[in-house]
N, C-alpha and C. Protein backbone atom coordinates (compact mmCIF):
# COMPACT_ATOMS: atom_id res chain seq x y z
N MET A 1 -5.45 26.76 2.50
CA MET A 1 -4.66 25.31 2.34
C MET A 1 -5.57 24.82 1.46
N GLY A 2 -4.84 24.75 -0.04
CA GLY A 2 -5.30 23.50 -1.44
C GLY A 2 -4.77 22.24 -1.63
N ALA A 3 -4.92 21.59 -2.27
CA ALA A 3 -3.97 20.49 -2.82
C ALA A 3 -2.85 21.08 -2.90
N LEU A 4 -1.63 20.01 -2.80
CA LEU A 4 -0.07 20.26 -2.77
C LEU A 4 0.07 20.31 -4.42
N PRO A 5 1.15 21.47 -4.72
CA PRO A 5 1.33 21.61 -5.73
C PRO A 5 1.64 20.09 -6.16
N PRO A 6 2.02 20.26 -7.67
CA PRO A 6 2.31 18.86 -8.12
C PRO A 6 3.67 18.33 -8.23
N ARG A 7 4.76 19.23 -7.85
CA ARG A 7 6.15 19.15 -7.75
C ARG A 7 6.37 18.35 -6.15
N ARG A 8 5.27 18.70 -5.27
CA ARG A 8 5.34 18.36 -3.82
C ARG A 8 4.95 17.41 -3.80
N ALA A 9 3.65 16.79 -4.48
CA ALA A 9 3.05 15.79 -4.28
C ALA A 9 3.19 14.50 -5.20
N SER A 10 4.26 14.80 -6.07
CA SER A 10 4.81 13.59 -7.01
C SER A 10 6.25 13.24 -6.22
N SER A 11 6.61 14.25 -5.27
CA SER A 11 7.70 14.18 -4.61
C SER A 11 7.41 12.97 -3.20
N ARG A 12 6.22 13.28 -3.01
CA ARG A 12 6.03 12.35 -1.82
C ARG A 12 5.31 11.02 -2.28
N LEU A 13 5.04 11.07 -3.63
CA LEU A 13 5.46 10.06 -4.27
C LEU A 13 6.37 9.17 -4.57
N LEU A 14 6.88 10.02 -5.15
CA LEU A 14 8.15 9.07 -5.27
C LEU A 14 8.96 8.71 -3.51
N ALA A 15 8.68 9.38 -2.85
CA ALA A 15 9.55 8.80 -1.57
C ALA A 15 8.67 7.50 -0.80
N GLY A 16 7.18 7.34 -1.46
CA GLY A 16 6.51 7.00 -0.82
C GLY A 16 7.20 5.52 -1.16
N VAL A 17 7.28 5.38 -3.05
CA VAL A 17 7.87 4.35 -3.87
C VAL A 17 8.84 4.17 -2.87
N VAL A 18 10.01 4.64 -2.54
CA VAL A 18 11.30 4.11 -2.46
C VAL A 18 11.38 3.54 -1.13
N ILE A 19 10.16 3.90 -0.40
CA ILE A 19 10.45 3.22 1.02
C ILE A 19 9.56 1.99 1.26
N SER A 20 8.93 1.89 0.37
CA SER A 20 8.50 0.19 -0.08
C SER A 20 8.82 -0.47 -0.69
N ILE A 21 10.11 -0.11 -1.83
CA ILE A 21 10.57 -0.69 -2.53
C ILE A 21 11.72 -1.30 -1.24
N ALA A 22 12.44 -0.23 -0.39
CA ALA A 22 12.83 -0.85 0.28
C ALA A 22 12.68 -1.97 1.68
N ALA A 23 11.61 -1.78 1.72
CA ALA A 23 10.59 -2.55 2.90
C ALA A 23 10.21 -4.06 2.27
N LEU A 24 10.19 -4.07 0.94
CA LEU A 24 10.45 -5.37 0.10
C LEU A 24 11.79 -6.27 0.07
N CYS A 25 12.70 -4.98 -0.21
CA CYS A 25 13.95 -5.76 -0.23
C CYS A 25 14.32 -6.37 1.35
N LEU A 26 13.75 -6.13 2.38
CA LEU A 26 14.38 -5.99 3.38
C LEU A 26 13.73 -7.43 3.71
N LEU A 27 12.22 -7.66 3.69
CA LEU A 27 11.36 -8.60 3.58
C LEU A 27 11.95 -9.97 2.81
N ALA A 28 12.51 -9.46 1.34
CA ALA A 28 13.06 -10.59 0.75
C ALA A 28 14.33 -11.26 1.40
N TRP A 29 15.24 -10.90 2.13
CA TRP A 29 16.17 -10.95 2.81
C TRP A 29 16.53 -11.28 4.01
N ALA A 30 15.43 -11.26 4.54
CA ALA A 30 15.48 -11.17 6.16
C ALA A 30 15.76 -13.10 6.24
N GLU A 31 16.36 -13.52 7.26
CA GLU A 31 16.94 -14.94 7.97
C GLU A 31 15.35 -15.24 7.88
N PRO A 32 15.45 -16.95 7.32
CA PRO A 32 14.32 -17.47 7.76
C PRO A 32 14.01 -17.73 9.66
N ALA A 33 12.77 -17.36 9.57
CA ALA A 33 12.90 -17.82 11.47
C ALA A 33 12.78 -19.07 11.90
N LEU A 34 13.44 -19.02 13.32
CA LEU A 34 13.06 -20.41 13.71
C LEU A 34 11.89 -20.82 14.82
N ALA A 35 11.96 -22.01 15.10
CA ALA A 35 10.65 -22.59 15.69
C ALA A 35 10.34 -22.20 17.15
N GLN A 36 9.72 -21.29 17.53
CA GLN A 36 9.59 -21.20 19.14
C GLN A 36 9.51 -21.90 19.96
N CYS A 37 9.84 -23.11 19.99
CA CYS A 37 9.90 -24.04 21.13
C CYS A 37 11.33 -25.37 20.37
N PRO A 38 11.92 -25.88 21.11
CA PRO A 38 12.39 -27.37 20.46
C PRO A 38 11.43 -28.26 19.71
N MET A 39 10.32 -28.57 20.46
CA MET A 39 9.92 -29.69 19.70
C MET A 39 9.30 -28.85 18.39
N CYS A 40 8.73 -28.07 18.12
CA CYS A 40 8.44 -27.24 17.22
C CYS A 40 9.47 -27.21 16.01
N ARG A 41 10.71 -27.20 16.46
CA ARG A 41 12.33 -27.03 15.66
C ARG A 41 12.22 -28.77 15.08
N LYS A 42 11.91 -29.45 16.06
CA LYS A 42 12.44 -30.80 15.75
C LYS A 42 11.51 -31.49 15.12
N ALA A 43 10.37 -30.98 14.98
CA ALA A 43 9.18 -31.65 14.15
C ALA A 43 9.53 -30.77 12.72
N LEU A 44 9.89 -29.86 12.35
CA LEU A 44 10.09 -28.72 11.63
C LEU A 44 11.24 -29.32 10.77
N GLU A 45 12.48 -30.17 11.36
CA GLU A 45 13.12 -30.71 10.79
C GLU A 45 13.41 -32.15 9.65
N SER A 46 12.36 -32.64 9.91
CA SER A 46 12.06 -33.83 9.32
C SER A 46 11.49 -33.19 7.68
N PRO A 47 11.64 -34.32 6.94
CA PRO A 47 11.25 -34.44 5.28
C PRO A 47 9.43 -34.23 5.57
N GLU A 48 8.91 -34.26 6.59
CA GLU A 48 7.28 -34.16 6.10
C GLU A 48 7.54 -32.78 6.57
N GLY A 49 7.81 -32.96 7.78
CA GLY A 49 7.74 -31.13 8.42
C GLY A 49 7.88 -29.65 7.85
N ARG A 50 9.38 -29.89 6.61
CA ARG A 50 9.83 -29.22 5.37
C ARG A 50 8.52 -29.03 4.62
N ARG A 51 8.24 -30.32 4.24
CA ARG A 51 7.39 -30.13 3.26
C ARG A 51 5.95 -29.30 3.91
N LEU A 52 5.36 -29.23 5.07
CA LEU A 52 3.79 -28.76 5.77
C LEU A 52 4.48 -27.11 5.34
N ALA A 53 5.76 -27.35 6.18
CA ALA A 53 6.49 -25.38 6.43
C ALA A 53 6.47 -24.84 4.90
N GLY A 54 6.86 -25.86 4.20
CA GLY A 54 6.54 -24.98 2.87
C GLY A 54 5.31 -24.87 2.44
N ALA A 55 4.25 -25.54 2.32
CA ALA A 55 2.66 -25.57 1.92
C ALA A 55 2.74 -24.69 3.50
N PHE A 56 2.85 -24.33 3.70
CA PHE A 56 2.51 -22.83 5.15
C PHE A 56 2.59 -21.70 4.53
N ALA A 57 4.09 -21.51 4.01
CA ALA A 57 4.25 -20.27 3.48
C ALA A 57 3.83 -20.23 2.24
N ARG A 58 3.65 -21.04 1.10
CA ARG A 58 2.91 -20.55 0.22
C ARG A 58 1.28 -20.53 0.50
N ALA A 59 0.80 -20.78 1.47
CA ALA A 59 -0.67 -20.50 1.91
C ALA A 59 -0.88 -19.19 2.34
N ILE A 60 0.01 -18.98 3.14
CA ILE A 60 0.34 -17.37 3.32
C ILE A 60 0.30 -16.57 2.24
N LEU A 61 1.14 -16.49 1.47
CA LEU A 61 1.06 -16.06 0.51
C LEU A 61 -0.22 -15.98 -0.54
N PHE A 62 -0.50 -16.89 -0.58
CA PHE A 62 -2.49 -17.18 -1.47
C PHE A 62 -2.69 -16.24 -0.82
N LEU A 63 -3.10 -16.63 0.41
CA LEU A 63 -4.20 -15.84 1.03
C LEU A 63 -3.94 -13.84 1.45
N LEU A 64 -2.43 -13.64 1.45
CA LEU A 64 -2.43 -12.52 1.45
C LEU A 64 -2.85 -11.69 0.22
N ALA A 65 -3.16 -12.19 -1.30
CA ALA A 65 -3.28 -12.27 -2.41
C ALA A 65 -4.84 -11.26 -2.65
N VAL A 66 -5.64 -11.51 -1.75
CA VAL A 66 -6.70 -10.82 -1.99
C VAL A 66 -6.65 -9.80 -1.23
N PRO A 67 -6.10 -9.34 -0.18
CA PRO A 67 -5.99 -7.67 0.30
C PRO A 67 -5.09 -7.04 -0.11
N ILE A 68 -3.96 -7.80 -0.72
CA ILE A 68 -2.91 -6.76 -1.04
C ILE A 68 -4.11 -6.21 -2.98
N THR A 69 -4.75 -7.09 -3.40
CA THR A 69 -5.70 -6.50 -4.33
C THR A 69 -6.60 -5.77 -4.26
N ALA A 70 -7.23 -5.57 -3.25
CA ALA A 70 -8.03 -4.71 -2.90
C ALA A 70 -7.45 -3.94 -2.30
N VAL A 71 -6.64 -3.61 -1.66
CA VAL A 71 -6.15 -2.10 -1.51
C VAL A 71 -5.57 -1.75 -2.37
N GLY A 72 -5.09 -2.27 -3.33
CA GLY A 72 -4.57 -2.10 -4.80
C GLY A 72 -5.72 -1.20 -5.48
N THR A 73 -6.56 -1.63 -5.56
CA THR A 73 -7.32 -1.28 -6.18
C THR A 73 -8.08 0.00 -5.97
N ILE A 74 -8.46 -0.22 -4.60
CA ILE A 74 -8.93 1.36 -4.15
C ILE A 74 -8.12 2.32 -4.18
N ALA A 75 -6.44 2.23 -4.14
CA ALA A 75 -5.42 3.25 -4.39
C ALA A 75 -5.44 3.71 -5.45
N LEU A 76 -5.77 2.56 -6.66
CA LEU A 76 -5.95 3.16 -8.02
C LEU A 76 -6.63 3.46 -8.15
N MET A 77 -8.03 3.83 -7.88
CA MET A 77 -9.41 4.34 -7.94
C MET A 77 -9.26 5.54 -7.42
N VAL A 78 -8.86 5.79 -6.18
CA VAL A 78 -8.02 7.46 -5.23
C VAL A 78 -7.51 7.97 -6.42
N VAL A 79 -6.40 7.44 -6.65
CA VAL A 79 -5.14 8.08 -7.65
C VAL A 79 -6.17 8.76 -8.80
N SER A 80 -6.55 8.15 -9.74
CA SER A 80 -7.54 8.68 -10.67
C SER A 80 -8.66 9.35 -10.41
N LYS A 81 -8.60 9.27 -9.54
CA LYS A 81 -9.97 10.47 -8.72
C LYS A 81 -8.96 11.46 -8.75
N GLN A 82 -8.46 11.59 -8.07
CA GLN A 82 -7.45 13.06 -7.78
C GLN A 82 -7.01 13.37 -9.39
N ARG A 83 -6.93 12.78 -10.02
CA ARG A 83 -6.04 12.99 -11.25
C ARG A 83 -7.30 13.62 -12.04
N GLN A 84 -8.27 13.21 -12.30
CA GLN A 84 -9.43 13.83 -13.10
C GLN A 84 -9.79 15.25 -12.15
N GLY A 85 -9.60 15.18 -11.20
CA GLY A 85 -9.65 16.38 -10.18
C GLY A 85 -8.72 17.65 -10.66
N GLU A 86 -7.88 17.30 -11.09
CA GLU A 86 -6.50 18.15 -11.35
C GLU A 86 -6.92 18.92 -12.70
N GLY A 87 -7.66 17.61 -13.85
CA GLY A 87 -8.09 17.96 -15.15
C GLY A 87 -9.18 18.95 -15.16
N ALA A 88 -9.61 19.50 -13.98
CA ALA A 88 -11.10 20.20 -14.17
C ALA A 88 -11.00 21.31 -15.01
N GLY A 89 -9.85 21.94 -14.57
CA GLY A 89 -9.19 23.34 -15.07
C GLY A 89 -10.12 25.10 -14.15
N VAL A 90 -9.98 26.18 -14.89
CA VAL A 90 -10.03 27.17 -13.60
C VAL A 90 -11.43 27.01 -14.23
N GLY A 91 -12.04 27.48 -13.08
CA GLY A 91 -13.23 27.89 -12.97
C GLY A 91 -14.71 26.46 -13.02
N GLN A 92 -13.83 25.56 -13.44
CA GLN A 92 -14.79 24.52 -13.18
C GLN A 92 -14.78 23.80 -11.38
N ALA A 93 -15.73 23.31 -10.88
CA ALA A 93 -15.76 22.99 -9.48
C ALA A 93 -15.21 21.27 -9.68
N SER A 94 -14.31 20.99 -8.77
CA SER A 94 -13.96 19.26 -8.93
C SER A 94 -14.69 18.86 -7.62
N SER A 95 -14.84 17.62 -7.27
CA SER A 95 -15.49 16.66 -7.03
C SER A 95 -15.16 17.25 -5.28
N ILE A 96 -13.65 17.47 -5.17
CA ILE A 96 -13.08 17.56 -3.73
C ILE A 96 -13.52 19.37 -2.71
N CYS A 97 -14.11 19.34 -2.11
CA CYS A 97 -14.43 20.17 -1.21
C CYS A 97 -13.51 20.96 -0.06
N LEU A 98 -12.99 21.80 -0.89
CA LEU A 98 -11.92 22.60 0.21
C LEU A 98 -12.17 23.56 0.65
N PRO A 99 -11.83 24.48 1.71
CA PRO A 99 -12.00 25.80 2.09
C PRO A 99 -11.41 26.34 1.08
N HIS A 100 -12.01 27.91 1.56
CA HIS A 100 -11.64 29.12 0.50
C HIS A 100 -10.79 29.88 1.58
N ASP A 101 -10.62 30.63 1.34
CA ASP A 101 -9.59 31.58 2.08
C ASP A 101 -10.58 32.21 3.25
N ASP A 102 -11.64 32.93 3.19
CA ASP A 102 -12.34 33.04 3.70
C ASP A 102 -12.76 32.38 5.55
N GLY A 103 -12.88 31.10 4.81
CA GLY A 103 -13.16 29.93 5.92
C GLY A 103 -14.35 29.46 5.24
N ARG A 104 -15.19 30.12 4.49
CA ARG A 104 -15.98 28.75 4.11
C ARG A 104 -15.87 27.73 3.26
N GLU A 105 -17.07 26.72 3.25
CA GLU A 105 -16.45 25.87 2.30
C GLU A 105 -16.89 26.18 1.20
N ASN A 106 -16.19 24.93 0.25
CA ASN A 106 -16.85 25.35 -1.17
C ASN A 106 -18.39 23.99 -1.33
N SER A 107 -19.44 25.18 -1.56
CA SER A 107 -20.60 23.85 -1.90
C SER A 107 -20.96 23.45 -2.99
N SER A 108 -20.48 24.02 -4.07
CA SER A 108 -20.94 23.45 -5.35
C SER A 108 -19.88 22.51 -5.81
N ARG A 109 -20.85 21.54 -6.52
CA ARG A 109 -20.19 20.61 -7.32
C ARG A 109 -20.02 20.55 -8.72
């Protein structure tokens, strides 16, 4: 059981992209959440409370930038490493050790 064929891997990637876009669309059209208690709701209805809520929302987006960038960088490195492994050709060893049909693992690199 080796790597996925290119057609199946690309369809899996396409499915992941479609699901990600659908999730982003759902998040973009989500209704603003109401405050959890009446006192908080009343405090956020004032002009100062609206500015505070807007600043809080921008701070959350700013703080999300670092983990999203880190995950994106790691994903890019993994994908580029896999693409380099696909270009190894027949007879050349890749950096991924896969089991042979007889059950032994490929220890050559």
